[in-house]
Amino acid sequence: LQVVRDQISHCTVKLRQTTGLMEYCLEVIKENDPSGFLQISDALIRRVHLTEDQWGKGTLTPRMTTDFDLNLDNAPLLQSIHQLDFVQMKVSSPVPAPPILQLEECCTHNNSATLSWKQPPLSTVQVEGYILELDDGNGGQFREVYVGKETMCTVDGLHFNSTYSARVKAFNKTGVSPYSKTLVLQTSEDTQSEEQTLPFPVPLERSQLRRMSPFSSTLNLQPSFPGRSYFELRSSAHQLSLHSSLQSLNSAVDIKKMVAVAWFSFDPASAHADIIFSNDNLTVTCNSYDDRVVLGKTGFSKGLHYWELSIDRYDNHPDPAFGVARIDVLKDAMLGKDDKAWAMYVDNNRSWFMHNNSHTNRTEGGITKGATVGVLLDLTRRTLTFSINEDQQGPVAFENLEGLFFPAVSLNRNVQV
């Protein structure tokens, strides 16, 4: 196809040149001055003959045929067949025993789950690797999420408030072992019924709820409080149950509409090397004048999520960017320069939305020191909306979002968030 496209392009150029020469010849023929015509006729005739000769030299000859020249090399296969030893193939080592899930090391946090397993203590069969499978959180089919030699795996981006089943099996050159017992995991909730206490240990002075139009109720929280994971063994001999919960407040809070908090901080592991972390990874700046990207630790794939970022320092009118990104987003460019990020970048006067280096929806209104930028990720409606100081900034920024998204920021040394 590429060869044909190149030939079409070449022929188009030749046709354009030839058509131009014909039109020029027609204009020359209209010349009323015989002497003027004679002065250029010889050169024009040579030019026409030269064009005719070049046109016929393979320009219209197809450079490709509809036939494909395929060669099949069966020598390696024949050699393998001749070397088969059926006597040796009858003697093989046994398949591995089913792995054992280690409950004391299994836990869930927010929408992530960590599983650990080991071979039975008395097993002497060599194991080459393991296959970890999870269902879809809704009783659907199991899917492979890890294949390798490790005996521990953390799975991110699960749905909140969902029940997952997990199982693992071992393999070697002989075959695959039976599955381990099935482990049932419960991820953290992201919605609560009315008149309930908060499902996380938040200090009372930070439990104030406030309304933010057009956003739903949200909690004004800064530090991260770790949860506790618990597990119990069900009565069934073949099914284990892992329940994840968080401490509740000692006193009830009268709240009309409840929202749960999925705790996250900035992630040093995936950030650009120029990013500087402080305040238990809740505050970031940069030691470079170029924009650098840092992500949050928690990924979201379902539900309604809102978070705020406070501008602690703002010098020389930079344009930091805020939004969401895939885990493999470019870390050495402004957020939104590639197709892995959806962002709003803003200076002291105005803002723009940017995705895949496309700038849209310039909106008046910027940020200063002390300003608050809000990000509303609605994966039910598949939209992303921004606010500055509790007022929506521009229209709905992005639509048709789908997949796993991480909170993201890009900044340089003139900004601290």
Protein backbone atom coordinates (compact mmCIF):
# COMPACT_ATOMS: atom_id res chain seq x y z
CA LEU A 1 0.00 0.00 0.00
CA GLN A 2 2.83 2.41 0.81
CA VAL A 3 4.50 1.73 -2.53
CA VAL A 4 1.22 2.35 -4.36
CA ARG A 5 0.62 5.56 -2.42
CA ASP A 6 4.10 6.78 -3.33
CA GLN A 7 3.47 6.02 -7.01
CA ILE A 8 0.13 7.84 -6.90
CA SER A 9 1.83 10.86 -5.39
CA HIS A 10 4.56 10.75 -8.03
CA CYS A 11 2.05 10.47 -10.87
CA THR A 12 0.01 13.33 -9.45
CA VAL A 13 3.04 15.61 -9.50
CA LYS A 14 3.90 14.56 -13.07
CA LEU A 15 0.33 15.17 -14.18
CA ARG A 16 0.32 18.62 -12.60
CA GLN A 17 3.60 19.49 -14.38
CA THR A 18 2.37 18.17 -17.73
CA THR A 19 -0.94 20.03 -17.45
CA GLY A 20 0.93 23.24 -16.69
CA LEU A 21 3.14 22.71 -19.75
CA MET A 22 0.06 22.14 -21.98
CA GLU A 23 -1.56 25.34 -20.74
CA TYR A 24 1.66 27.23 -21.38
CA CYS A 25 1.85 25.84 -24.94
CA LEU A 26 -1.71 26.94 -25.62
CA GLU A 27 -0.89 30.45 -24.48
CA VAL A 28 2.22 30.54 -26.68
CA ILE A 29 0.19 29.43 -29.73
CA LYS A 30 -2.06 32.45 -29.17
CA GLU A 31 0.96 34.75 -29.60
CA ASN A 32 0.14 37.30 -32.35
CA ASP A 33 3.76 38.33 -32.95
CA PRO A 34 5.41 35.78 -35.33
CA SER A 35 8.92 36.80 -34.35
CA GLY A 36 8.17 36.37 -30.65
CA PHE A 37 6.75 32.92 -31.33
CA LEU A 38 9.82 31.88 -33.32
CA GLN A 39 12.15 32.98 -30.51
CA ILE A 40 10.69 30.48 -28.04
CA SER A 41 9.25 27.75 -30.29
CA ASP A 42 12.44 25.63 -30.49
CA ALA A 43 12.96 25.62 -26.74
CA LEU A 44 9.29 24.85 -26.19
CA ILE A 45 9.34 21.94 -28.65
CA ARG A 46 12.43 20.45 -26.92
CA ARG A 47 10.73 20.79 -23.55
CA VAL A 48 7.62 19.01 -24.83
CA HIS A 49 9.69 16.15 -26.30
CA LEU A 50 11.69 15.83 -23.08
CA THR A 51 8.52 15.64 -21.00
CA GLU A 52 7.08 13.03 -23.36
CA ASP A 53 10.23 10.90 -23.12
CA GLN A 54 10.34 11.08 -19.32
CA TRP A 55 6.63 10.30 -19.00
CA GLY A 56 7.03 7.05 -20.86
CA LYS A 57 9.94 5.77 -18.76
CA GLY A 58 8.08 3.59 -16.29
CA THR A 59 5.92 6.25 -14.71
CA LEU A 60 2.68 4.38 -15.38
CA THR A 61 4.14 0.90 -14.97
CA PRO A 62 2.77 -0.76 -11.78
CA ARG A 63 5.49 -1.11 -9.19
CA MET A 64 3.64 -3.86 -7.33
CA THR A 65 1.78 -7.02 -8.37
CA THR A 66 -1.17 -8.71 -6.74
CA ASP A 67 0.98 -11.82 -6.12
CA PHE A 68 3.02 -12.40 -2.98
CA ASP A 69 6.28 -14.34 -3.08
CA LEU A 70 6.19 -16.53 0.01
CA ASN A 71 8.95 -18.98 0.92
CA LEU A 72 8.38 -21.63 3.59
CA ASP A 73 11.51 -22.87 5.37
CA ASN A 74 10.66 -26.28 6.83
CA ALA A 75 14.24 -27.36 7.57
CA PRO A 76 14.13 -26.59 11.35
CA LEU A 77 10.81 -28.44 11.68
CA LEU A 78 12.10 -31.51 9.83
CA GLN A 79 15.20 -31.53 12.02
CA SER A 80 13.08 -31.43 15.18
CA ILE A 81 10.91 -34.28 13.91
CA HIS A 82 13.95 -36.46 13.15
CA GLN A 83 15.36 -35.81 16.66
CA LEU A 84 12.21 -36.80 18.55
CA ASP A 85 12.88 -39.47 21.20
CA PHE A 86 9.56 -40.95 22.26
CA VAL A 87 11.13 -43.13 24.96
CA GLN A 88 12.50 -40.11 26.81
CA MET A 89 9.23 -38.22 26.44
CA LYS A 90 7.39 -40.90 28.43
CA VAL A 91 9.50 -40.13 31.51
CA SER A 92 8.62 -36.68 32.86
CA SER A 93 8.59 -34.89 36.21
CA PRO A 94 5.25 -34.33 37.94
CA VAL A 95 3.34 -31.07 37.77
CA PRO A 96 3.67 -28.73 40.77
CA ALA A 97 1.35 -28.87 43.75
CA PRO A 98 -1.30 -26.13 44.15
CA PRO A 99 0.17 -22.99 45.77
CA ILE A 100 -0.97 -21.88 49.24
CA LEU A 101 -2.25 -18.32 49.72
CA GLN A 102 -0.63 -16.62 52.74
CA LEU A 103 -3.49 -14.84 54.48
CA GLU A 104 -1.25 -12.90 56.87
CA GLU A 105 0.37 -11.10 53.93
CA CYS A 106 -2.77 -10.51 51.82
CA CYS A 107 -4.55 -7.16 52.16
CA THR A 108 -6.50 -4.50 50.27
CA HIS A 109 -6.11 -0.71 50.35
CA ASN A 110 -8.52 1.63 48.56
CA ASN A 111 -8.90 0.01 45.13
CA SER A 112 -5.66 -2.02 45.23
CA ALA A 113 -5.14 -5.60 46.40
CA THR A 114 -1.91 -7.35 47.42
CA LEU A 115 -1.76 -11.15 47.30
CA SER A 116 0.98 -13.48 48.49
CA TRP A 117 1.41 -17.24 48.07
CA LYS A 118 3.95 -20.05 48.50
CA GLN A 119 4.50 -23.68 47.57
CA PRO A 120 3.47 -26.36 50.09
CA PRO A 121 6.27 -26.93 52.64
CA LEU A 122 6.84 -30.58 51.70
CA SER A 123 6.71 -30.08 47.92
CA THR A 124 9.95 -30.97 46.09
CA VAL A 125 8.71 -30.41 42.53
CA GLN A 126 10.49 -27.62 40.69
CA VAL A 127 8.32 -24.59 39.85
CA GLU A 128 9.13 -22.27 36.96
CA GLY A 129 6.46 -19.66 37.64
CA TYR A 130 2.97 -18.75 38.78
CA ILE A 131 -0.25 -17.52 37.17
CA LEU A 132 -2.50 -15.19 39.21
CA GLU A 133 -6.11 -14.81 38.08
CA LEU A 134 -8.88 -12.38 39.17
CA ASP A 135 -12.49 -12.15 38.10
CA ASP A 136 -14.13 -8.87 37.02
CA GLY A 137 -15.48 -8.01 40.48
CA ASN A 138 -18.99 -8.97 39.45
CA GLY A 139 -18.83 -12.76 39.44
CA GLY A 140 -17.59 -12.93 35.84
CA GLN A 141 -14.87 -15.01 34.24
CA PHE A 142 -11.35 -15.15 35.66
CA ARG A 143 -8.61 -13.27 33.84
CA GLU A 144 -4.81 -13.55 34.09
CA VAL A 145 -3.33 -10.51 35.85
CA TYR A 146 0.21 -11.79 36.51
CA VAL A 147 2.54 -14.47 35.11
CA GLY A 148 6.04 -14.77 36.53
CA LYS A 149 8.36 -16.14 39.20
CA GLU A 150 7.41 -13.76 42.03
CA THR A 151 5.26 -14.97 44.92
CA MET A 152 3.64 -11.60 45.67
CA CYS A 153 1.65 -9.27 43.42
CA THR A 154 -0.21 -5.97 43.90
CA VAL A 155 -3.11 -5.30 41.52
CA ASP A 156 -4.08 -1.62 41.08
CA GLY A 157 -7.09 0.04 39.47
CA LEU A 158 -9.81 -2.24 40.82
CA HIS A 159 -13.36 -0.98 41.24
CA PHE A 160 -14.27 0.49 44.61
CA ASN A 161 -16.88 -1.26 46.74
CA SER A 162 -16.54 -4.48 44.74
CA THR A 163 -15.93 -8.12 45.61
CA TYR A 164 -13.19 -9.91 43.66
CA SER A 165 -12.23 -13.58 43.59
CA ALA A 166 -8.56 -14.49 43.20
CA ARG A 167 -6.74 -17.75 42.63
CA VAL A 168 -3.22 -18.80 41.67
CA LYS A 169 -1.60 -21.84 40.06
CA ALA A 170 1.98 -22.96 39.45
CA PHE A 171 3.60 -24.32 36.29
CA ASN A 172 6.76 -26.01 35.06
CA LYS A 173 7.88 -27.71 31.85
CA THR A 174 5.58 -30.66 32.53
CA GLY A 175 2.36 -28.75 32.98
CA VAL A 176 0.18 -26.60 35.22
CA SER A 177 -0.87 -27.34 38.78
CA PRO A 178 -4.46 -27.25 40.06
CA TYR A 179 -5.69 -23.90 41.35
CA SER A 180 -5.18 -22.77 44.91
CA LYS A 181 -8.16 -22.10 47.14
CA THR A 182 -10.17 -19.09 45.98
CA LEU A 183 -9.65 -15.87 47.92
CA VAL A 184 -12.50 -13.35 48.07
CA LEU A 185 -11.39 -9.70 48.35
CA GLN A 186 -13.54 -6.68 49.23
CA THR A 187 -12.23 -3.28 48.06
CA SER A 188 -12.94 -0.07 49.97
CA GLU A 189 -16.34 1.57 49.60
CA ASP A 190 -16.72 4.87 47.74
CA THR A 191 -20.38 5.52 48.64
CA GLN A 192 -22.25 5.32 51.95
CA SER A 193 -25.87 5.43 52.98
CA GLU A 194 -27.25 8.47 54.79
CA GLU A 195 -26.75 9.09 58.53
CA GLN A 196 -23.66 6.86 58.86
CA THR A 197 -20.32 7.51 60.47
CA LEU A 198 -17.31 8.08 58.27
CA PRO A 199 -15.52 4.81 57.40
CA PHE A 200 -12.04 6.16 58.05
CA PRO A 201 -10.15 7.56 61.10
CA VAL A 202 -10.33 11.31 60.39
CA PRO A 203 -9.67 13.82 63.21
CA LEU A 204 -12.91 15.52 64.21
CA GLU A 205 -11.57 18.96 63.41
CA ARG A 206 -11.14 17.91 59.79
CA SER A 207 -14.53 16.22 59.29
CA GLN A 208 -16.35 19.41 58.22
CA LEU A 209 -18.33 18.97 55.00
CA ARG A 210 -19.00 21.88 52.67
CA ARG A 211 -21.02 22.41 49.49
CA MET A 212 -19.23 23.39 46.31
CA SER A 213 -21.40 24.23 43.30
CA PRO A 214 -21.43 22.66 40.76
CA PHE A 215 -19.53 19.89 42.55
CA SER A 216 -21.00 17.46 45.04
CA SER A 217 -20.15 17.48 48.74
CA THR A 218 -16.49 16.92 49.49
CA LEU A 219 -14.14 16.67 52.44
CA ASN A 220 -11.43 19.29 53.01
CA LEU A 221 -8.61 16.92 53.98
CA GLN A 222 -4.85 17.08 53.56
CA PRO A 223 -2.85 14.26 55.27
CA SER A 224 -3.26 10.57 54.60
CA PHE A 225 -4.50 8.19 57.33
CA PRO A 226 -3.71 4.51 56.76
CA GLY A 227 -6.48 1.95 56.96
CA ARG A 228 -6.43 -1.47 58.58
CA SER A 229 -7.01 -4.70 56.71
CA TYR A 230 -8.75 -7.71 58.28
CA PHE A 231 -9.43 -11.19 56.98
CA GLU A 232 -11.35 -14.22 58.09
CA LEU A 233 -11.67 -17.81 56.95
CA ARG A 234 -15.13 -18.80 55.76
CA SER A 235 -16.64 -22.14 56.79
CA SER A 236 -16.15 -23.51 53.30
CA ALA A 237 -12.98 -25.58 52.97
CA HIS A 238 -12.30 -24.26 49.47
CA GLN A 239 -12.97 -20.54 49.76
CA LEU A 240 -11.20 -17.86 51.78
CA SER A 241 -12.63 -14.39 52.44
CA LEU A 242 -10.52 -11.24 52.77
CA HIS A 243 -12.44 -8.21 54.03
CA SER A 244 -10.87 -4.76 53.99
CA SER A 245 -12.23 -2.09 56.30
CA LEU A 246 -11.20 1.15 57.93
CA GLN A 247 -11.66 2.32 61.50
CA SER A 248 -14.84 4.32 62.09
CA LEU A 249 -15.02 7.53 64.08
CA ASN A 250 -15.84 7.11 67.76
CA SER A 251 -18.68 9.65 67.57
CA ALA A 252 -21.35 9.93 64.89
CA VAL A 253 -21.38 12.91 62.51
CA ASP A 254 -24.71 14.22 61.26
CA ILE A 255 -24.25 14.28 57.51
CA LYS A 256 -27.00 14.41 54.92
CA LYS A 257 -24.96 13.17 52.01
CA MET A 258 -21.91 10.99 52.54
CA VAL A 259 -18.81 10.63 50.44
CA ALA A 260 -15.88 8.33 51.10
CA VAL A 261 -12.26 9.31 50.69
CA ALA A 262 -9.82 7.25 48.65
CA TRP A 263 -6.55 8.30 50.26
CA PHE A 264 -3.63 9.07 48.01
CA SER A 265 -0.43 11.10 48.02
CA PHE A 266 2.06 11.96 45.31
CA ASP A 267 4.05 8.97 44.03
CA PRO A 268 7.88 9.30 44.09
CA ALA A 269 8.30 5.97 42.33
CA SER A 270 6.72 7.10 39.05
CA ALA A 271 7.62 10.83 39.17
CA HIS A 272 10.32 12.59 37.17
CA ALA A 273 13.68 12.77 38.94
CA ASP A 274 13.50 16.59 39.14
CA ILE A 275 10.37 16.52 41.34
CA ILE A 276 11.02 17.41 45.02
CA PHE A 277 8.76 15.83 47.67
CA SER A 278 7.98 17.02 51.20
CA ASN A 279 5.23 16.86 53.84
CA ASP A 280 4.94 13.04 53.64
CA ASN A 281 4.69 13.23 49.81
CA LEU A 282 1.66 15.56 49.99
CA THR A 283 3.63 18.60 48.74
CA VAL A 284 5.70 18.82 45.55
CA THR A 285 7.84 21.32 43.68
CA CYS A 286 10.61 20.99 41.10
CA ASN A 287 14.30 21.87 40.76
CA SER A 288 14.07 22.50 37.00
CA TYR A 289 12.78 25.43 34.97
CA ASP A 290 11.20 22.88 32.58
CA ASP A 291 7.85 21.28 33.32
CA ARG A 292 7.97 17.90 35.08
CA VAL A 293 5.11 15.48 35.81
CA VAL A 294 4.17 13.76 39.07
CA LEU A 295 1.26 11.33 39.58
CA GLY A 296 -0.88 10.34 42.52
CA LYS A 297 -0.52 6.86 43.97
CA THR A 298 -4.14 5.78 43.44
CA GLY A 299 -5.71 5.03 40.05
CA PHE A 300 -9.44 5.40 39.35
CA SER A 301 -11.46 3.40 36.82
CA LYS A 302 -15.01 3.76 38.15
CA GLY A 303 -17.17 6.18 40.15
CA LEU A 304 -17.14 9.91 40.96
CA HIS A 305 -13.91 11.42 42.33
CA TYR A 306 -13.01 14.96 43.38
CA TRP A 307 -9.77 16.34 44.81
CA GLU A 308 -8.24 19.76 45.40
CA LEU A 309 -4.70 21.08 45.07
CA SER A 310 -3.49 24.17 46.93
CA ILE A 311 -0.98 26.57 45.33
CA ASP A 312 1.60 27.18 48.12
CA ARG A 313 4.02 29.19 45.98
CA TYR A 314 3.60 30.95 42.61
CA ASP A 315 6.50 33.04 41.24
CA ASN A 316 7.17 34.65 37.83
CA HIS A 317 3.80 33.65 36.31
CA PRO A 318 4.44 29.99 35.33
CA ASP A 319 1.68 27.80 33.91
CA PRO A 320 1.32 24.57 35.92
CA ALA A 321 -1.08 21.91 34.64
CA PHE A 322 -3.57 19.79 36.60
CA GLY A 323 -5.63 16.78 35.55
CA VAL A 324 -5.42 13.02 35.07
CA ALA A 325 -3.06 10.74 33.17
CA ARG A 326 -2.21 7.15 32.32
CA ILE A 327 0.61 5.56 34.28
CA ASP A 328 2.95 5.74 31.23
CA VAL A 329 2.46 9.47 30.55
CA LEU A 330 5.49 11.53 29.50
CA LYS A 331 7.22 12.80 32.67
CA ASP A 332 9.52 15.42 31.07
CA ALA A 333 6.92 17.63 29.37
CA MET A 334 3.86 19.66 30.32
CA LEU A 335 0.86 17.54 31.25
CA GLY A 336 -1.33 17.14 28.15
CA LYS A 337 1.49 17.25 25.59
CA ASP A 338 0.90 13.58 24.70
CA ASP A 339 -2.22 11.44 24.32
CA LYS A 340 -1.77 9.91 27.79
CA ALA A 341 -2.96 12.99 29.76
CA TRP A 342 -6.02 15.25 30.01
CA ALA A 343 -5.22 18.55 31.72
CA MET A 344 -5.94 22.22 32.36
CA TYR A 345 -2.89 24.48 32.36
CA VAL A 346 -3.30 27.94 33.88
CA ASP A 347 -1.29 31.12 34.51
CA ASN A 348 -2.18 34.23 36.48
CA ASN A 349 -4.76 35.44 33.91
CA ARG A 350 -6.32 32.57 31.95
CA SER A 351 -6.46 28.83 31.41
CA TRP A 352 -6.62 26.30 28.56
CA PHE A 353 -7.53 22.61 28.29
CA MET A 354 -4.93 20.39 26.65
CA HIS A 355 -4.81 16.79 25.42
CA ASN A 356 -2.43 15.36 22.82
CA ASN A 357 -0.88 18.86 22.48
CA SER A 358 -4.25 20.32 21.37
CA HIS A 359 -5.17 23.55 23.19
CA THR A 360 -8.87 24.39 23.57
CA ASN A 361 -11.35 26.56 25.51
CA ARG A 362 -9.32 29.56 26.60
CA THR A 363 -11.01 30.88 29.73
CA GLU A 364 -10.34 34.08 31.65
CA GLY A 365 -9.31 33.74 35.30
CA GLY A 366 -6.02 32.46 36.67
CA ILE A 367 -4.25 31.42 39.87
CA THR A 368 -2.10 33.12 42.49
CA LYS A 369 -0.44 32.00 45.68
CA GLY A 370 -3.10 30.46 47.95
CA ALA A 371 -5.46 29.55 45.11
CA THR A 372 -7.21 26.17 45.04
CA VAL A 373 -7.58 24.04 41.90
CA GLY A 374 -10.33 21.39 41.95
CA VAL A 375 -10.47 18.32 39.68
CA LEU A 376 -13.76 16.44 39.22
CA LEU A 377 -13.39 13.04 37.50
CA ASP A 378 -16.82 11.55 36.79
CA LEU A 379 -16.26 8.08 35.33
CA THR A 380 -20.00 7.39 35.41
CA ARG A 381 -20.59 10.18 32.88
CA ARG A 382 -17.00 9.79 31.61
CA THR A 383 -16.23 13.51 31.99
CA LEU A 384 -13.52 15.71 33.51
CA THR A 385 -14.25 19.19 34.94
CA PHE A 386 -12.03 21.77 36.64
CA SER A 387 -12.57 24.55 39.17
CA ILE A 388 -10.50 27.43 40.56
CA ASN A 389 -11.31 28.69 44.04
CA GLU A 390 -14.54 26.64 44.08
CA ASP A 391 -15.88 28.15 40.79
CA GLN A 392 -16.06 25.98 37.68
CA GLN A 393 -13.38 26.99 35.17
CA GLY A 394 -14.75 26.83 31.63
CA PRO A 395 -17.14 24.16 30.31
CA VAL A 396 -16.80 20.40 30.77
CA ALA A 397 -13.17 19.92 29.79
CA PHE A 398 -13.15 16.36 28.41
CA GLU A 399 -15.72 13.67 27.60
CA ASN A 400 -15.73 9.97 26.69
CA LEU A 401 -13.02 9.11 29.23
CA GLU A 402 -12.55 5.41 29.86
CA GLY A 403 -9.89 3.30 31.53
CA LEU A 404 -7.54 3.75 34.49
CA PHE A 405 -6.62 7.33 35.41
CA PHE A 406 -4.19 8.73 38.00
CA PRO A 407 -4.29 12.25 39.47
CA ALA A 408 -1.50 14.23 37.79
CA VAL A 409 0.30 17.59 38.02
CA SER A 410 3.07 19.20 35.96
CA LEU A 411 5.09 22.13 37.33
CA ASN A 412 8.50 23.80 37.41
CA ARG A 413 10.61 25.37 40.14
CA ASN A 414 8.42 28.48 40.29
CA VAL A 415 5.46 26.55 41.71
CA GLN A 416 4.79 24.50 44.85
CA VAL A 417 1.57 22.51 45.14
